[in-house]
C-alpha atoms as a PDB file:
ATOM      1  CA  GLN A   1     -25.471 -39.599   9.165  1.00  0.00           C
ATOM      2  CA  MET A   2     -26.898 -39.995   5.695  1.00  0.00           C
ATOM      3  CA  GLN A   3     -25.640 -42.854   3.587  1.00  0.00           C
ATOM      4  CA  LEU A   4     -26.272 -43.659  -0.066  1.00  0.00           C
ATOM      5  CA  ALA A   5     -25.490 -46.975  -1.718  1.00  0.00           C
ATOM      6  CA  GLU A   6     -25.869 -47.538  -5.444  1.00  0.00           C
ATOM      7  CA  SER A   7     -26.302 -50.922  -7.101  1.00  0.00           C
ATOM      8  CA  GLY A   8     -27.433 -52.424 -10.376  1.00  0.00           C
ATOM      9  CA  GLY A   9     -24.602 -51.414 -12.656  1.00  0.00           C
ATOM     10  CA  GLY A  10     -23.025 -53.840 -15.077  1.00  0.00           C
ATOM     11  CA  SER A  11     -22.039 -54.511 -18.663  1.00  0.00           C
ATOM     12  CA  VAL A  12     -24.620 -54.590 -21.433  1.00  0.00           C
ATOM     13  CA  GLN A  13     -24.692 -54.362 -25.184  1.00  0.00           C
ATOM     14  CA  ALA A  14     -25.965 -51.311 -26.989  1.00  0.00           C
ATOM     15  CA  GLY A  15     -29.721 -51.206 -26.994  1.00  0.00           C
ATOM     16  CA  GLY A  16     -29.939 -53.049 -23.689  1.00  0.00           C
ATOM     17  CA  SER A  17     -31.438 -52.004 -20.364  1.00  0.00           C
ATOM     18  CA  LEU A  18     -30.343 -51.683 -16.761  1.00  0.00           C
ATOM     19  CA  ARG A  19     -32.028 -50.549 -13.583  1.00  0.00           C
ATOM     20  CA  LEU A  20     -29.914 -48.753 -11.035  1.00  0.00           C
ATOM     21  CA  SER A  21     -30.928 -48.528  -7.395  1.00  0.00           C
ATOM     22  CA  CYS A  22     -29.795 -46.229  -4.627  1.00  0.00           C
ATOM     23  CA  ALA A  23     -30.684 -47.062  -1.046  1.00  0.00           C
ATOM     24  CA  ALA A  24     -30.735 -44.046   1.272  1.00  0.00           C
ATOM     25  CA  SER A  25     -30.506 -44.198   5.035  1.00  0.00           C
ATOM     26  CA  GLY A  26     -30.072 -41.819   7.920  1.00  0.00           C
ATOM     27  CA  TYR A  27     -31.617 -38.837   6.148  1.00  0.00           C
ATOM     28  CA  PRO A  28     -33.143 -36.318   8.586  1.00  0.00           C
ATOM     29  CA  TYR A  29     -35.523 -34.616   6.151  1.00  0.00           C
ATOM     30  CA  SER A  30     -39.013 -35.759   5.199  1.00  0.00           C
ATOM     31  CA  THR A  31     -38.739 -34.431   1.655  1.00  0.00           C
ATOM     32  CA  TYR A  32     -35.657 -33.785  -0.367  1.00  0.00           C
ATOM     33  CA  CYS A  33     -34.079 -33.825  -3.784  1.00  0.00           C
ATOM     34  CA  MET A  34     -32.488 -36.951  -5.181  1.00  0.00           C
ATOM     35  CA  GLY A  35     -30.837 -37.511  -8.501  1.00  0.00           C
ATOM     36  CA  TRP A  36     -28.373 -39.337 -10.671  1.00  0.00           C
ATOM     37  CA  PHE A  37     -25.083 -38.055 -12.010  1.00  0.00           C
ATOM     38  CA  ARG A  38     -22.507 -39.816 -14.135  1.00  0.00           C
ATOM     39  CA  GLN A  39     -18.858 -39.409 -14.939  1.00  0.00           C
ATOM     40  CA  ALA A  40     -16.970 -41.036 -17.773  1.00  0.00           C
ATOM     41  CA  PRO A  41     -13.169 -41.421 -17.650  1.00  0.00           C
ATOM     42  CA  GLY A  42     -11.452 -38.182 -18.506  1.00  0.00           C
ATOM     43  CA  LYS A  43     -14.687 -36.207 -18.538  1.00  0.00           C
ATOM     44  CA  GLU A  44     -16.486 -33.961 -16.126  1.00  0.00           C
ATOM     45  CA  SER A  45     -19.478 -35.242 -14.254  1.00  0.00           C
ATOM     46  CA  GLU A  46     -22.888 -34.516 -15.716  1.00  0.00           C
ATOM     47  CA  GLY A  47     -26.416 -34.670 -14.415  1.00  0.00           C
ATOM     48  CA  VAL A  48     -28.777 -37.338 -15.646  1.00  0.00           C
ATOM     49  CA  ALA A  49     -32.098 -36.928 -13.844  1.00  0.00           C
ATOM     50  CA  THR A  50     -33.552 -35.591 -10.612  1.00  0.00           C
ATOM     51  CA  ILE A  51     -36.690 -36.171  -8.571  1.00  0.00           C
ATOM     52  CA  TYR A  52     -38.232 -34.265  -5.674  1.00  0.00           C
ATOM     53  CA  THR A  53     -39.490 -36.781  -3.142  1.00  0.00           C
ATOM     54  CA  GLY A  54     -42.254 -34.494  -1.942  1.00  0.00           C
ATOM     55  CA  GLY A  55     -44.576 -34.938  -4.896  1.00  0.00           C
ATOM     56  CA  GLY A  56     -42.454 -36.750  -7.448  1.00  0.00           C
ATOM     57  CA  SER A  57     -41.646 -33.937  -9.857  1.00  0.00           C
ATOM     58  CA  THR A  58     -38.830 -34.927 -12.178  1.00  0.00           C
ATOM     59  CA  TYR A  59     -36.231 -33.425 -14.447  1.00  0.00           C
ATOM     60  CA  TYR A  60     -34.201 -35.078 -17.197  1.00  0.00           C
ATOM     61  CA  THR A  61     -31.214 -33.839 -19.091  1.00  0.00           C
ATOM     62  CA  ASP A  62     -31.352 -34.119 -22.859  1.00  0.00           C
ATOM     63  CA  SER A  63     -29.166 -37.227 -22.826  1.00  0.00           C
ATOM     64  CA  ALA A  64     -31.708 -39.046 -20.641  1.00  0.00           C
ATOM     65  CA  LYS A  65     -35.015 -37.848 -22.063  1.00  0.00           C
ATOM     66  CA  GLY A  66     -37.069 -40.591 -23.642  1.00  0.00           C
ATOM     67  CA  ARG A  67     -34.675 -43.362 -22.609  1.00  0.00           C
ATOM     68  CA  PHE A  68     -34.326 -43.170 -18.822  1.00  0.00           C
ATOM     69  CA  THR A  69     -36.916 -43.009 -16.060  1.00  0.00           C
ATOM     70  CA  ILE A  70     -36.191 -41.833 -12.521  1.00  0.00           C
ATOM     71  CA  SER A  71     -38.419 -42.899  -9.648  1.00  0.00           C
ATOM     72  CA  HIS A  72     -38.414 -43.028  -5.880  1.00  0.00           C
ATOM     73  CA  ASP A  73     -40.015 -45.494  -3.496  1.00  0.00           C
ATOM     74  CA  ASN A  74     -40.819 -43.554  -0.328  1.00  0.00           C
ATOM     75  CA  GLY A  75     -41.529 -46.705   1.669  1.00  0.00           C
ATOM     76  CA  LYS A  76     -38.184 -48.252   0.824  1.00  0.00           C
ATOM     77  CA  ASN A  77     -36.382 -44.908   0.681  1.00  0.00           C
ATOM     78  CA  THR A  78     -34.807 -46.061  -2.543  1.00  0.00           C
ATOM     79  CA  LEU A  79     -34.094 -44.169  -5.729  1.00  0.00           C
ATOM     80  CA  TYR A  80     -34.180 -45.896  -9.110  1.00  0.00           C
ATOM     81  CA  LEU A  81     -33.011 -45.164 -12.618  1.00  0.00           C
ATOM     82  CA  GLN A  82     -34.491 -47.361 -15.317  1.00  0.00           C
ATOM     83  CA  MET A  83     -32.271 -47.073 -18.369  1.00  0.00           C
ATOM     84  CA  GLY A  84     -33.245 -48.296 -21.816  1.00  0.00           C
ATOM     85  CA  GLY A  85     -31.837 -47.953 -25.299  1.00  0.00           C
ATOM     86  CA  LEU A  86     -28.356 -47.803 -23.830  1.00  0.00           C
ATOM     87  CA  ARG A  87     -25.542 -46.466 -26.001  1.00  0.00           C
ATOM     88  CA  PRO A  88     -21.766 -46.771 -25.689  1.00  0.00           C
ATOM     89  CA  GLU A  89     -21.650 -43.088 -24.746  1.00  0.00           C
ATOM     90  CA  ASP A  90     -23.695 -43.926 -21.636  1.00  0.00           C
ATOM     91  CA  THR A  91     -20.656 -45.765 -20.269  1.00  0.00           C
ATOM     92  CA  ALA A  92     -19.717 -44.091 -16.986  1.00  0.00           C
ATOM     93  CA  MET A  93     -19.706 -44.360 -13.234  1.00  0.00           C
ATOM     94  CA  TYR A  94     -23.205 -43.504 -12.058  1.00  0.00           C
ATOM     95  CA  TYR A  95     -23.726 -41.782  -8.743  1.00  0.00           C
ATOM     96  CA  CYS A  96     -26.828 -40.944  -6.789  1.00  0.00           C
ATOM     97  CA  ALA A  97     -27.026 -37.850  -4.647  1.00  0.00           C
ATOM     98  CA  ALA A  98     -29.430 -36.325  -2.167  1.00  0.00           C
ATOM     99  CA  ASP A  99     -29.807 -33.025  -0.353  1.00  0.00           C
ATOM    100  CA  PRO A 100     -32.614 -30.801   0.997  1.00  0.00           C
ATOM    101  CA  ALA A 101     -32.858 -28.547  -2.048  1.00  0.00           C
ATOM    102  CA  PRO A 102     -36.369 -27.198  -2.680  1.00  0.00           C
ATOM    103  CA  SER A 103     -38.411 -28.446  -5.603  1.00  0.00           C
ATOM    104  CA  SER A 104     -37.752 -25.352  -7.696  1.00  0.00           C
ATOM    105  CA  VAL A 105     -34.023 -26.040  -7.598  1.00  0.00           C
ATOM    106  CA  CYS A 106     -34.292 -29.832  -7.669  1.00  0.00           C
ATOM    107  CA  VAL A 107     -36.217 -30.059 -10.932  1.00  0.00           C
ATOM    108  CA  GLY A 108     -35.193 -26.709 -12.377  1.00  0.00           C
ATOM    109  CA  GLY A 109     -32.106 -28.025 -14.100  1.00  0.00           C
ATOM    110  CA  ASN A 110     -29.598 -26.307 -11.822  1.00  0.00           C
ATOM    111  CA  TRP A 111     -29.255 -28.692  -8.899  1.00  0.00           C
ATOM    112  CA  SER A 112     -25.631 -29.131  -7.950  1.00  0.00           C
ATOM    113  CA  PRO A 113     -25.254 -31.017  -4.655  1.00  0.00           C
ATOM    114  CA  SER A 114     -21.936 -31.149  -2.890  1.00  0.00           C
ATOM    115  CA  ARG A 115     -19.874 -34.273  -3.604  1.00  0.00           C
ATOM    116  CA  ARG A 116     -20.125 -35.172   0.061  1.00  0.00           C
ATOM    117  CA  TYR A 117     -23.800 -35.933  -0.610  1.00  0.00           C
ATOM    118  CA  TRP A 118     -23.007 -38.435  -3.367  1.00  0.00           C
ATOM    119  CA  GLY A 119     -22.821 -42.194  -3.048  1.00  0.00           C
ATOM    120  CA  PRO A 120     -19.747 -44.244  -4.015  1.00  0.00           C
ATOM    121  CA  GLY A 121     -21.125 -45.051  -7.485  1.00  0.00           C
ATOM    122  CA  THR A 122     -21.877 -48.035  -9.686  1.00  0.00           C
ATOM    123  CA  GLN A 123     -20.214 -48.706 -13.033  1.00  0.00           C
ATOM    124  CA  VAL A 124     -22.225 -48.969 -16.239  1.00  0.00           C
ATOM    125  CA  THR A 125     -20.459 -50.210 -19.360  1.00  0.00           C
ATOM    126  CA  VAL A 126     -22.203 -50.354 -22.728  1.00  0.00           C
ATOM    127  CA  SER A 127     -20.506 -52.144 -25.590  1.00  0.00           C
ATOM    128  CA  SER A 128     -21.262 -51.633 -29.273  1.00  0.00           C
END
């Protein structure tokens, strides 16, 4: 059974940086799509970035472009999100997700994994 566990969240001031990690275990596929979503109180969840583990292709939403970097360590089976230039509007619960979507879907901007493939989340709070 696949398990995802996020870590690295916390409270920072605007302009600061954080690196989120997501450790994956029990996944039966050799290549798959992984990504980060976030949800602020009272708002719908939104995608942040995705990466296809078979090759490393990536996709970023406009809110993440130029500030965040997604990466994956195949040896450690861990997903990362390096966040810089943080803004108060980045405050949210951040979730990682994984499923066997093909690369074309994973980094095409339309990946929408079921919630059952999400981790429990890690809170990021950015103060002004």
